[in-house]
């Protein structure tokens, strides 16, 4: 376990150390949830366009996935209590942190395992793939790239280790798969059955 955690730290420092002023700004904003509100509005419009009157159930599944993923991450974070790299004294001299528009360095909360950003973006990516990719195949690639970039931004900003990200991915994928399975098995016919 000690070797695994050291490898995790080494990989973190390698990727966190590759920085420049443009990437600082880009990844700071890329990591902010509010920046993606237009994307979420577009996604909502797309679901309504594809599913019509039946879209309420699909939207509900997206919302439930987000809630379950987010709450699972919070529960695990406060159970495991693994400090973020930005809150680890031993890394203070080696870590690259990014300042926000107010000039203050961005540290994130105290605990980082697992990454809620990674879990939520991967859960959303898989939900988009499950519900919308039959119409547009390119959406699979776009959804995965968006999630990977969002996750990388967390390492770049110094607030997550790679293991935080990987476990967040697994958690997000598991929840989206489970809820999509429930939807296909028991719920879709409630909304889709013709009278």
N, C-alpha and C. Protein backbone atom coordinates (compact mmCIF):
# COMPACT_ATOMS: atom_id res chain seq x y z
N UNK A 1 0.84 -1.21 0.00
CA UNK A 1 0.00 0.00 0.00
C UNK A 1 0.87 1.26 0.00
N UNK A 2 1.95 1.20 0.79
CA UNK A 2 2.87 2.34 0.85
C UNK A 2 3.45 2.66 -0.54
N UNK A 3 3.83 1.62 -1.27
CA UNK A 3 4.40 1.81 -2.61
C UNK A 3 3.37 2.37 -3.58
N UNK A 4 2.13 1.89 -3.45
CA UNK A 4 1.05 2.37 -4.32
C UNK A 4 0.79 3.85 -4.08
N UNK A 5 0.76 4.25 -2.82
CA UNK A 5 0.53 5.66 -2.49
C UNK A 5 1.69 6.54 -2.95
N UNK A 6 2.91 6.01 -2.87
CA UNK A 6 4.07 6.76 -3.35
C UNK A 6 4.02 6.93 -4.86
N UNK A 7 3.63 5.85 -5.55
CA UNK A 7 3.49 5.92 -7.01
C UNK A 7 2.40 6.93 -7.39
N UNK A 8 1.31 6.91 -6.64
CA UNK A 8 0.21 7.87 -6.84
C UNK A 8 0.72 9.30 -6.71
N UNK A 9 1.52 9.54 -5.68
CA UNK A 9 2.09 10.87 -5.45
C UNK A 9 3.06 11.26 -6.57
N UNK A 10 3.89 10.32 -6.99
CA UNK A 10 4.86 10.59 -8.06
C UNK A 10 4.16 10.95 -9.37
N UNK A 11 3.13 10.19 -9.71
CA UNK A 11 2.37 10.47 -10.94
C UNK A 11 1.69 11.83 -10.83
N UNK A 12 1.12 12.09 -9.66
CA UNK A 12 0.48 13.39 -9.42
C UNK A 12 1.46 14.53 -9.64
N UNK A 13 2.65 14.44 -9.03
CA UNK A 13 3.64 15.51 -9.14
C UNK A 13 4.13 15.69 -10.58
N UNK A 14 4.22 14.60 -11.32
CA UNK A 14 4.64 14.68 -12.71
C UNK A 14 3.65 15.51 -13.53
N UNK A 15 2.35 15.15 -13.43
CA UNK A 15 1.34 15.86 -14.23
C UNK A 15 1.06 17.26 -13.68
N UNK A 16 1.08 17.41 -12.36
CA UNK A 16 0.86 18.72 -11.77
C UNK A 16 2.01 19.68 -12.10
N UNK A 17 3.18 19.12 -12.33
CA UNK A 17 4.35 19.95 -12.63
C UNK A 17 4.40 20.49 -14.04
N UNK A 18 3.55 19.98 -14.93
CA UNK A 18 3.53 20.46 -16.33
C UNK A 18 2.53 21.61 -16.44
N UNK A 19 2.99 22.80 -16.17
CA UNK A 19 2.06 23.94 -16.14
C UNK A 19 2.62 25.15 -16.86
N UNK A 20 1.72 26.01 -17.28
CA UNK A 20 2.07 27.30 -17.85
C UNK A 20 0.91 28.26 -17.59
N UNK A 21 1.09 29.53 -17.86
CA UNK A 21 0.10 30.54 -17.50
C UNK A 21 -1.22 30.36 -18.25
N UNK A 22 -1.16 29.95 -19.53
CA UNK A 22 -2.40 29.73 -20.29
C UNK A 22 -3.18 28.56 -19.69
N UNK A 23 -2.49 27.45 -19.42
CA UNK A 23 -3.15 26.26 -18.87
C UNK A 23 -3.70 26.53 -17.48
N UNK A 24 -3.02 27.39 -16.71
CA UNK A 24 -3.54 27.76 -15.39
C UNK A 24 -4.95 28.32 -15.51
N UNK A 25 -5.12 29.28 -16.40
CA UNK A 25 -6.43 29.91 -16.59
C UNK A 25 -7.42 28.92 -17.19
N UNK A 26 -6.98 28.20 -18.22
CA UNK A 26 -7.87 27.27 -18.92
C UNK A 26 -8.43 26.21 -17.97
N UNK A 27 -7.54 25.54 -17.24
CA UNK A 27 -8.00 24.45 -16.37
C UNK A 27 -8.72 24.95 -15.12
N UNK A 28 -8.40 26.16 -14.68
CA UNK A 28 -9.15 26.72 -13.56
C UNK A 28 -10.62 26.85 -13.94
N UNK A 29 -10.86 27.46 -15.09
CA UNK A 29 -12.26 27.66 -15.51
C UNK A 29 -12.90 26.37 -16.01
N UNK A 30 -12.12 25.51 -16.65
CA UNK A 30 -12.66 24.24 -17.13
C UNK A 30 -13.21 23.42 -15.96
N UNK A 31 -12.61 23.58 -14.79
CA UNK A 31 -12.97 22.80 -13.61
C UNK A 31 -14.18 23.38 -12.87
N UNK A 32 -14.59 24.59 -13.22
CA UNK A 32 -15.71 25.23 -12.53
C UNK A 32 -17.04 24.73 -13.11
N UNK A 33 -17.92 24.27 -12.22
CA UNK A 33 -19.19 23.71 -12.67
C UNK A 33 -20.08 24.74 -13.37
N UNK A 34 -20.07 26.00 -12.92
CA UNK A 34 -20.96 27.01 -13.48
C UNK A 34 -20.63 27.31 -14.95
N UNK A 35 -19.38 27.08 -15.34
CA UNK A 35 -18.99 27.31 -16.74
C UNK A 35 -19.78 26.41 -17.68
N UNK A 36 -20.20 25.25 -17.17
CA UNK A 36 -20.86 24.25 -18.00
C UNK A 36 -22.38 24.36 -18.00
N UNK A 37 -22.94 25.42 -17.41
CA UNK A 37 -24.40 25.59 -17.39
C UNK A 37 -24.97 25.60 -18.81
N UNK A 38 -24.36 26.31 -19.78
CA UNK A 38 -24.89 26.25 -21.15
C UNK A 38 -24.93 24.82 -21.71
N UNK A 39 -23.92 24.01 -21.37
CA UNK A 39 -23.90 22.62 -21.83
C UNK A 39 -25.06 21.85 -21.22
N UNK A 40 -25.33 22.06 -19.93
CA UNK A 40 -26.42 21.36 -19.27
C UNK A 40 -27.78 21.78 -19.84
N UNK A 41 -27.90 23.07 -20.17
CA UNK A 41 -29.14 23.56 -20.80
C UNK A 41 -29.32 22.92 -22.17
N UNK A 42 -28.22 22.85 -22.94
CA UNK A 42 -28.26 22.20 -24.25
C UNK A 42 -28.63 20.73 -24.12
N UNK A 43 -28.07 20.07 -23.12
CA UNK A 43 -28.37 18.67 -22.88
C UNK A 43 -29.84 18.47 -22.53
N UNK A 44 -30.37 19.36 -21.70
CA UNK A 44 -31.79 19.31 -21.34
C UNK A 44 -32.67 19.47 -22.58
N UNK A 45 -32.31 20.44 -23.42
CA UNK A 45 -33.05 20.67 -24.66
C UNK A 45 -32.99 19.44 -25.57
N UNK A 46 -31.81 18.83 -25.65
CA UNK A 46 -31.62 17.66 -26.50
C UNK A 46 -32.47 16.48 -26.02
N UNK A 47 -32.48 16.25 -24.72
CA UNK A 47 -33.30 15.16 -24.17
C UNK A 47 -34.77 15.38 -24.50
N UNK A 48 -35.24 16.61 -24.31
CA UNK A 48 -36.65 16.92 -24.59
C UNK A 48 -36.95 16.73 -26.07
N UNK A 49 -36.00 17.14 -26.93
CA UNK A 49 -36.20 16.99 -28.37
C UNK A 49 -36.28 15.52 -28.78
N UNK A 50 -35.40 14.69 -28.20
CA UNK A 50 -35.35 13.27 -28.56
C UNK A 50 -36.51 12.49 -27.97
N UNK A 51 -36.84 12.76 -26.70
CA UNK A 51 -37.83 11.93 -26.00
C UNK A 51 -39.22 12.55 -25.90
N UNK A 52 -39.35 13.83 -26.24
CA UNK A 52 -40.66 14.47 -26.22
C UNK A 52 -41.33 14.41 -24.86
N UNK A 53 -42.60 14.01 -24.84
CA UNK A 53 -43.37 13.95 -23.59
C UNK A 53 -42.81 12.91 -22.63
N UNK A 54 -42.02 11.99 -23.15
CA UNK A 54 -41.45 10.93 -22.32
C UNK A 54 -40.13 11.37 -21.66
N UNK A 55 -39.69 12.59 -21.93
CA UNK A 55 -38.38 13.04 -21.47
C UNK A 55 -38.28 13.21 -19.96
N UNK A 56 -39.42 13.38 -19.27
CA UNK A 56 -39.36 13.60 -17.82
C UNK A 56 -38.66 12.45 -17.10
N UNK A 57 -38.86 11.23 -17.59
CA UNK A 57 -38.26 10.07 -16.94
C UNK A 57 -36.75 10.03 -17.17
N UNK A 58 -36.34 10.39 -18.37
CA UNK A 58 -34.91 10.42 -18.69
C UNK A 58 -34.22 11.52 -17.87
N UNK A 59 -34.85 12.69 -17.78
CA UNK A 59 -34.30 13.78 -16.97
C UNK A 59 -34.20 13.35 -15.51
N UNK A 60 -35.24 12.66 -15.02
CA UNK A 60 -35.22 12.15 -13.66
C UNK A 60 -34.03 11.21 -13.43
N UNK A 61 -33.74 10.35 -14.41
CA UNK A 61 -32.62 9.42 -14.26
C UNK A 61 -31.28 10.18 -14.22
N UNK A 62 -31.14 11.24 -15.02
CA UNK A 62 -29.94 12.07 -14.98
C UNK A 62 -29.78 12.71 -13.60
N UNK A 63 -30.89 13.24 -13.08
CA UNK A 63 -30.85 13.91 -11.78
C UNK A 63 -30.52 12.91 -10.67
N UNK A 64 -31.17 11.74 -10.69
CA UNK A 64 -30.90 10.71 -9.68
C UNK A 64 -29.45 10.24 -9.73
N UNK A 65 -28.93 10.07 -10.94
CA UNK A 65 -27.53 9.66 -11.08
C UNK A 65 -26.61 10.68 -10.43
N UNK A 66 -26.84 11.95 -10.70
CA UNK A 66 -26.02 13.02 -10.13
C UNK A 66 -26.11 13.04 -8.61
N UNK A 67 -27.32 12.92 -8.10
CA UNK A 67 -27.52 12.95 -6.64
C UNK A 67 -26.82 11.76 -5.97
N UNK A 68 -27.02 10.55 -6.51
CA UNK A 68 -26.42 9.36 -5.90
C UNK A 68 -24.89 9.40 -5.97
N UNK A 69 -24.37 9.84 -7.11
CA UNK A 69 -22.91 9.94 -7.28
C UNK A 69 -22.35 10.95 -6.28
N UNK A 70 -22.95 12.11 -6.23
CA UNK A 70 -22.44 13.18 -5.38
C UNK A 70 -22.50 12.79 -3.90
N UNK A 71 -23.62 12.22 -3.47
CA UNK A 71 -23.76 11.83 -2.07
C UNK A 71 -22.82 10.67 -1.71
N UNK A 72 -22.62 9.75 -2.65
CA UNK A 72 -21.67 8.64 -2.41
C UNK A 72 -20.26 9.19 -2.21
N UNK A 73 -19.88 10.13 -3.06
CA UNK A 73 -18.54 10.74 -2.94
C UNK A 73 -18.38 11.42 -1.59
N UNK A 74 -19.39 12.19 -1.17
CA UNK A 74 -19.31 12.88 0.12
C UNK A 74 -19.21 11.88 1.27
N UNK A 75 -19.99 10.81 1.20
CA UNK A 75 -19.95 9.80 2.26
C UNK A 75 -18.56 9.16 2.35
N UNK A 76 -18.01 8.77 1.20
CA UNK A 76 -16.70 8.12 1.18
C UNK A 76 -15.61 9.09 1.64
N UNK A 77 -15.68 10.34 1.15
CA UNK A 77 -14.68 11.34 1.54
C UNK A 77 -14.60 11.50 3.05
N UNK A 78 -15.75 11.58 3.70
CA UNK A 78 -15.76 11.80 5.14
C UNK A 78 -15.57 10.52 5.93
N UNK A 79 -15.58 9.38 5.25
CA UNK A 79 -15.27 8.11 5.90
C UNK A 79 -13.77 7.80 5.82
N UNK A 80 -13.21 8.03 4.62
CA UNK A 80 -11.79 7.74 4.39
C UNK A 80 -10.89 8.86 4.92
N UNK A 81 -11.32 10.10 4.73
CA UNK A 81 -10.58 11.28 5.21
C UNK A 81 -9.15 11.37 4.66
N UNK A 82 -9.00 11.11 3.36
CA UNK A 82 -7.68 11.27 2.74
C UNK A 82 -7.49 12.73 2.32
N UNK A 83 -6.49 13.42 2.87
CA UNK A 83 -6.30 14.83 2.51
C UNK A 83 -5.98 15.00 1.02
N UNK A 84 -6.45 16.10 0.48
CA UNK A 84 -6.07 16.45 -0.89
C UNK A 84 -4.57 16.76 -0.92
N UNK A 85 -3.95 16.65 -2.09
CA UNK A 85 -2.54 17.04 -2.18
C UNK A 85 -2.33 18.50 -1.77
N UNK A 86 -3.31 19.35 -2.09
CA UNK A 86 -3.22 20.77 -1.74
C UNK A 86 -3.27 21.01 -0.23
N UNK A 87 -3.68 20.00 0.52
CA UNK A 87 -3.74 20.10 1.99
C UNK A 87 -2.70 19.19 2.65
N UNK A 88 -1.70 18.77 1.89
CA UNK A 88 -0.67 17.87 2.41
C UNK A 88 0.64 18.65 2.60
N UNK A 89 1.05 18.80 3.85
CA UNK A 89 2.24 19.60 4.16
C UNK A 89 3.50 19.11 3.46
N UNK A 90 3.63 17.79 3.34
CA UNK A 90 4.84 17.22 2.73
C UNK A 90 5.01 17.63 1.27
N UNK A 91 3.93 18.04 0.62
CA UNK A 91 3.99 18.42 -0.80
C UNK A 91 4.02 19.93 -1.00
N UNK A 92 4.00 20.67 0.09
CA UNK A 92 3.86 22.12 0.02
C UNK A 92 4.87 22.79 -0.91
N UNK A 93 6.11 22.31 -0.91
CA UNK A 93 7.16 22.93 -1.73
C UNK A 93 7.14 22.46 -3.18
N UNK A 94 6.50 21.33 -3.44
CA UNK A 94 6.55 20.72 -4.78
C UNK A 94 5.30 20.94 -5.62
N UNK A 95 4.22 21.26 -4.97
CA UNK A 95 2.93 21.30 -5.67
C UNK A 95 2.72 22.64 -6.37
N UNK A 96 2.05 22.60 -7.50
CA UNK A 96 1.68 23.82 -8.23
C UNK A 96 0.20 24.06 -8.01
N UNK A 97 -0.12 25.17 -7.34
CA UNK A 97 -1.51 25.56 -7.13
C UNK A 97 -1.82 26.76 -7.99
N UNK A 98 -3.09 26.92 -8.33
CA UNK A 98 -3.52 27.98 -9.25
C UNK A 98 -4.39 28.98 -8.49
N UNK A 99 -4.16 30.25 -8.75
CA UNK A 99 -4.95 31.30 -8.13
C UNK A 99 -6.19 31.58 -8.97
N UNK A 100 -7.29 31.84 -8.28
CA UNK A 100 -8.53 32.22 -8.96
C UNK A 100 -8.51 33.70 -9.32
N UNK A 101 -9.61 34.20 -9.88
CA UNK A 101 -9.67 35.61 -10.27
C UNK A 101 -9.48 36.58 -9.10
N UNK A 102 -9.79 36.11 -7.87
CA UNK A 102 -9.62 36.96 -6.69
C UNK A 102 -8.18 36.99 -6.19
N UNK A 103 -7.30 36.20 -6.83
CA UNK A 103 -5.90 36.17 -6.43
C UNK A 103 -5.57 35.14 -5.37
N UNK A 104 -6.58 34.51 -4.80
CA UNK A 104 -6.36 33.48 -3.78
C UNK A 104 -6.12 32.12 -4.42
N UNK A 105 -5.18 31.38 -3.84
CA UNK A 105 -4.90 30.04 -4.36
C UNK A 105 -6.10 29.13 -4.12
N UNK A 106 -6.35 28.26 -5.10
CA UNK A 106 -7.46 27.31 -5.01
C UNK A 106 -6.96 26.02 -4.36
N UNK A 107 -7.55 25.69 -3.19
CA UNK A 107 -7.14 24.50 -2.45
C UNK A 107 -8.17 23.38 -2.48
N UNK A 108 -9.43 23.70 -2.70
CA UNK A 108 -10.49 22.70 -2.59
C UNK A 108 -10.77 22.39 -1.13
N UNK A 109 -11.70 21.48 -0.88
CA UNK A 109 -12.03 21.08 0.48
C UNK A 109 -10.90 20.26 1.09
N UNK A 110 -11.09 19.84 2.33
CA UNK A 110 -10.04 19.13 3.05
C UNK A 110 -9.74 17.76 2.45
N UNK A 111 -10.78 17.03 2.07
CA UNK A 111 -10.60 15.64 1.63
C UNK A 111 -10.88 15.48 0.14
N UNK A 112 -10.13 14.55 -0.49
CA UNK A 112 -10.24 14.43 -1.94
C UNK A 112 -10.54 13.05 -2.49
N UNK A 113 -10.70 12.05 -1.62
CA UNK A 113 -10.93 10.69 -2.14
C UNK A 113 -12.36 10.25 -1.88
N UNK A 114 -13.09 9.93 -2.97
CA UNK A 114 -12.75 10.03 -4.40
C UNK A 114 -13.10 11.41 -4.95
N UNK A 115 -12.69 11.65 -6.17
CA UNK A 115 -12.97 12.93 -6.81
C UNK A 115 -14.43 12.99 -7.26
N UNK A 116 -15.17 13.93 -6.69
CA UNK A 116 -16.57 14.11 -7.09
C UNK A 116 -16.66 14.66 -8.51
N UNK A 117 -15.69 15.50 -8.91
CA UNK A 117 -15.67 16.00 -10.29
C UNK A 117 -15.55 14.84 -11.27
N UNK A 118 -14.58 13.95 -11.00
CA UNK A 118 -14.37 12.80 -11.90
C UNK A 118 -15.60 11.90 -11.92
N UNK A 119 -16.16 11.64 -10.74
CA UNK A 119 -17.33 10.76 -10.65
C UNK A 119 -18.53 11.36 -11.37
N UNK A 120 -18.79 12.64 -11.13
CA UNK A 120 -19.96 13.28 -11.74
C UNK A 120 -19.83 13.43 -13.25
N UNK A 121 -18.64 13.84 -13.72
CA UNK A 121 -18.50 14.02 -15.17
C UNK A 121 -18.53 12.69 -15.91
N UNK A 122 -17.94 11.64 -15.31
CA UNK A 122 -17.98 10.34 -15.97
C UNK A 122 -19.39 9.74 -15.92
N UNK A 123 -20.10 9.95 -14.83
CA UNK A 123 -21.49 9.48 -14.73
C UNK A 123 -22.35 10.20 -15.78
N UNK A 124 -22.14 11.50 -15.93
CA UNK A 124 -22.89 12.25 -16.93
C UNK A 124 -22.53 11.79 -18.34
N UNK A 125 -21.23 11.57 -18.57
CA UNK A 125 -20.78 11.10 -19.89
C UNK A 125 -21.44 9.77 -20.24
N UNK A 126 -21.45 8.83 -19.29
CA UNK A 126 -22.05 7.53 -19.56
C UNK A 126 -23.56 7.62 -19.70
N UNK A 127 -24.19 8.52 -18.95
CA UNK A 127 -25.64 8.71 -19.10
C UNK A 127 -25.97 9.25 -20.49
N UNK A 128 -25.15 10.20 -20.95
CA UNK A 128 -25.33 10.73 -22.31
C UNK A 128 -25.15 9.61 -23.34
N UNK A 129 -24.13 8.79 -23.14
CA UNK A 129 -23.88 7.67 -24.05
C UNK A 129 -25.07 6.71 -24.06
N UNK A 130 -25.56 6.35 -22.88
CA UNK A 130 -26.67 5.39 -22.77
C UNK A 130 -27.95 5.93 -23.41
N UNK A 131 -28.25 7.20 -23.16
CA UNK A 131 -29.55 7.73 -23.57
C UNK A 131 -29.54 8.43 -24.92
N UNK A 132 -28.39 8.95 -25.36
CA UNK A 132 -28.40 9.80 -26.55
C UNK A 132 -27.46 9.39 -27.67
N UNK A 133 -26.52 8.47 -27.42
CA UNK A 133 -25.50 8.19 -28.44
C UNK A 133 -26.03 7.40 -29.64
N UNK A 134 -27.20 6.77 -29.52
CA UNK A 134 -27.75 6.05 -30.68
C UNK A 134 -28.07 7.01 -31.81
N UNK A 135 -28.40 8.22 -31.45
CA UNK A 135 -28.72 9.23 -32.47
C UNK A 135 -27.46 9.82 -33.09
N UNK A 136 -26.45 10.03 -32.27
CA UNK A 136 -25.21 10.65 -32.73
C UNK A 136 -24.03 9.88 -32.15
N UNK A 137 -23.35 9.10 -32.97
CA UNK A 137 -22.25 8.26 -32.48
C UNK A 137 -21.06 9.07 -31.98
N UNK A 138 -20.82 10.25 -32.56
CA UNK A 138 -19.67 11.05 -32.18
C UNK A 138 -19.77 11.53 -30.73
N UNK A 139 -20.98 11.50 -30.18
CA UNK A 139 -21.18 11.99 -28.82
C UNK A 139 -20.41 11.14 -27.80
N UNK A 140 -20.17 9.87 -28.12
CA UNK A 140 -19.42 9.00 -27.20
C UNK A 140 -18.02 9.56 -26.99
N UNK A 141 -17.33 9.85 -28.08
CA UNK A 141 -15.98 10.39 -28.01
C UNK A 141 -15.96 11.73 -27.29
N UNK A 142 -16.89 12.60 -27.65
CA UNK A 142 -16.95 13.94 -27.05
C UNK A 142 -17.21 13.86 -25.55
N UNK A 143 -18.14 13.00 -25.14
CA UNK A 143 -18.49 12.88 -23.72
C UNK A 143 -17.30 12.36 -22.91
N UNK A 144 -16.58 11.38 -23.44
CA UNK A 144 -15.44 10.81 -22.73
C UNK A 144 -14.29 11.82 -22.65
N UNK A 145 -14.01 12.53 -23.75
CA UNK A 145 -12.94 13.53 -23.75
C UNK A 145 -13.25 14.64 -22.74
N UNK A 146 -14.50 15.09 -22.70
CA UNK A 146 -14.91 16.13 -21.76
C UNK A 146 -14.67 15.67 -20.32
N UNK A 147 -15.06 14.43 -20.02
CA UNK A 147 -14.88 13.90 -18.67
C UNK A 147 -13.40 13.75 -18.31
N UNK A 148 -12.59 13.26 -19.25
CA UNK A 148 -11.16 13.09 -19.01
C UNK A 148 -10.46 14.44 -18.78
N UNK A 149 -10.82 15.44 -19.58
CA UNK A 149 -10.23 16.77 -19.41
C UNK A 149 -10.62 17.38 -18.06
N UNK A 150 -11.88 17.19 -17.69
CA UNK A 150 -12.35 17.69 -16.40
C UNK A 150 -11.59 17.03 -15.26
N UNK A 151 -11.38 15.73 -15.37
CA UNK A 151 -10.64 14.99 -14.34
C UNK A 151 -9.18 15.43 -14.30
N UNK A 152 -8.57 15.59 -15.47
CA UNK A 152 -7.17 16.03 -15.51
C UNK A 152 -7.01 17.42 -14.89
N UNK A 153 -8.02 18.26 -15.08
CA UNK A 153 -7.95 19.61 -14.52
C UNK A 153 -7.79 19.56 -13.00
N UNK A 154 -8.34 18.53 -12.36
CA UNK A 154 -8.26 18.41 -10.91
C UNK A 154 -6.83 18.07 -10.45
N UNK A 155 -6.13 17.27 -11.26
CA UNK A 155 -4.72 16.99 -10.95
C UNK A 155 -3.89 18.24 -11.24
N UNK A 156 -4.16 18.88 -12.37
CA UNK A 156 -3.43 20.08 -12.75
C UNK A 156 -3.55 21.16 -11.67
N UNK A 157 -4.74 21.32 -11.11
CA UNK A 157 -4.97 22.34 -10.09
C UNK A 157 -4.42 21.95 -8.72
N UNK A 158 -3.96 20.69 -8.60
CA UNK A 158 -3.33 20.26 -7.36
C UNK A 158 -4.28 19.80 -6.27
N UNK A 159 -5.52 19.48 -6.64
CA UNK A 159 -6.52 19.14 -5.61
C UNK A 159 -6.91 17.66 -5.59
N UNK A 160 -6.35 16.85 -6.52
CA UNK A 160 -6.65 15.42 -6.51
C UNK A 160 -5.45 14.60 -6.97
N UNK A 161 -5.29 13.45 -6.33
CA UNK A 161 -4.33 12.44 -6.77
C UNK A 161 -4.96 11.61 -7.89
N UNK A 162 -4.14 10.94 -8.71
CA UNK A 162 -4.69 10.07 -9.76
C UNK A 162 -5.63 8.98 -9.23
N UNK A 163 -5.32 8.41 -8.05
CA UNK A 163 -6.21 7.38 -7.50
C UNK A 163 -7.58 7.97 -7.15
N UNK A 164 -7.61 9.22 -6.70
CA UNK A 164 -8.90 9.89 -6.44
C UNK A 164 -9.73 9.93 -7.72
N UNK A 165 -9.03 10.24 -8.82
CA UNK A 165 -9.69 10.36 -10.13
C UNK A 165 -10.20 8.99 -10.60
N UNK A 166 -9.33 7.99 -10.56
CA UNK A 166 -9.71 6.66 -11.04
C UNK A 166 -10.88 6.08 -10.25
N UNK A 167 -10.83 6.23 -8.93
CA UNK A 167 -11.94 5.72 -8.11
C UNK A 167 -13.21 6.52 -8.35
N UNK A 168 -13.06 7.82 -8.61
CA UNK A 168 -14.23 8.64 -8.99
C UNK A 168 -14.84 8.15 -10.29
N UNK A 169 -13.99 7.83 -11.27
CA UNK A 169 -14.48 7.29 -12.54
C UNK A 169 -15.28 6.01 -12.31
N UNK A 170 -14.71 5.09 -11.53
CA UNK A 170 -15.37 3.80 -11.28
C UNK A 170 -16.72 4.02 -10.61
N UNK A 171 -16.75 4.90 -9.62
CA UNK A 171 -18.00 5.18 -8.90
C UNK A 171 -19.05 5.77 -9.84
N UNK A 172 -18.64 6.74 -10.66
CA UNK A 172 -19.57 7.36 -11.60
C UNK A 172 -20.10 6.39 -12.63
N UNK A 173 -19.23 5.53 -13.16
CA UNK A 173 -19.65 4.53 -14.16
C UNK A 173 -20.60 3.53 -13.53
N UNK A 174 -20.29 3.08 -12.32
CA UNK A 174 -21.16 2.09 -11.64
C UNK A 174 -22.56 2.65 -11.40
N UNK A 175 -22.65 3.88 -10.90
CA UNK A 175 -23.97 4.46 -10.65
C UNK A 175 -24.75 4.67 -11.95
N UNK A 176 -24.08 5.17 -12.99
CA UNK A 176 -24.81 5.40 -14.24
C UNK A 176 -25.26 4.09 -14.86
N UNK A 177 -24.43 3.05 -14.78
CA UNK A 177 -24.82 1.73 -15.30
C UNK A 177 -26.00 1.16 -14.51
N UNK A 178 -25.93 1.27 -13.19
CA UNK A 178 -27.00 0.74 -12.34
C UNK A 178 -28.33 1.43 -12.62
N UNK A 179 -28.30 2.75 -12.68
CA UNK A 179 -29.56 3.48 -12.90
C UNK A 179 -30.08 3.29 -14.32
N UNK A 180 -29.19 3.16 -15.28
CA UNK A 180 -29.66 2.88 -16.64
C UNK A 180 -30.27 1.49 -16.71
N UNK A 181 -29.67 0.52 -16.01
CA UNK A 181 -30.23 -0.84 -15.95
C UNK A 181 -31.64 -0.82 -15.33
N UNK A 182 -31.79 -0.08 -14.24
CA UNK A 182 -33.11 0.04 -13.60
C UNK A 182 -34.11 0.67 -14.56
N UNK A 183 -33.66 1.70 -15.26
CA UNK A 183 -34.52 2.38 -16.23
C UNK A 183 -34.98 1.42 -17.32
N UNK A 184 -34.03 0.69 -17.92
CA UNK A 184 -34.37 -0.23 -19.02
C UNK A 184 -35.21 -1.41 -18.55
N UNK A 185 -34.93 -1.89 -17.35
CA UNK A 185 -35.60 -3.09 -16.84
C UNK A 185 -37.01 -2.81 -16.36
N UNK A 186 -37.19 -1.72 -15.62
CA UNK A 186 -38.48 -1.50 -14.97
C UNK A 186 -39.19 -0.19 -15.30
N UNK A 187 -38.45 0.85 -15.69
CA UNK A 187 -39.07 2.17 -15.76
C UNK A 187 -39.46 2.64 -17.15
N UNK A 188 -38.69 2.27 -18.17
CA UNK A 188 -38.95 2.86 -19.49
C UNK A 188 -40.33 2.53 -20.02
N UNK A 189 -40.84 1.36 -19.70
CA UNK A 189 -42.17 0.98 -20.19
C UNK A 189 -43.29 1.76 -19.51
N UNK A 190 -43.02 2.29 -18.31
CA UNK A 190 -44.02 3.11 -17.65
C UNK A 190 -44.31 4.35 -18.47
N UNK A 191 -43.27 4.89 -19.06
CA UNK A 191 -43.41 6.11 -19.83
C UNK A 191 -43.67 5.87 -21.30
N UNK A 192 -43.22 4.71 -21.82
CA UNK A 192 -43.23 4.48 -23.25
C UNK A 192 -44.40 3.63 -23.74
N UNK A 193 -45.14 3.03 -22.81
CA UNK A 193 -46.22 2.14 -23.23
C UNK A 193 -47.35 2.93 -23.87
N UNK A 194 -47.82 2.47 -24.99
CA UNK A 194 -48.92 3.13 -25.69
C UNK A 194 -50.25 2.69 -25.07
N UNK A 195 -51.17 3.63 -24.98
CA UNK A 195 -52.48 3.30 -24.44
C UNK A 195 -53.40 2.80 -25.54
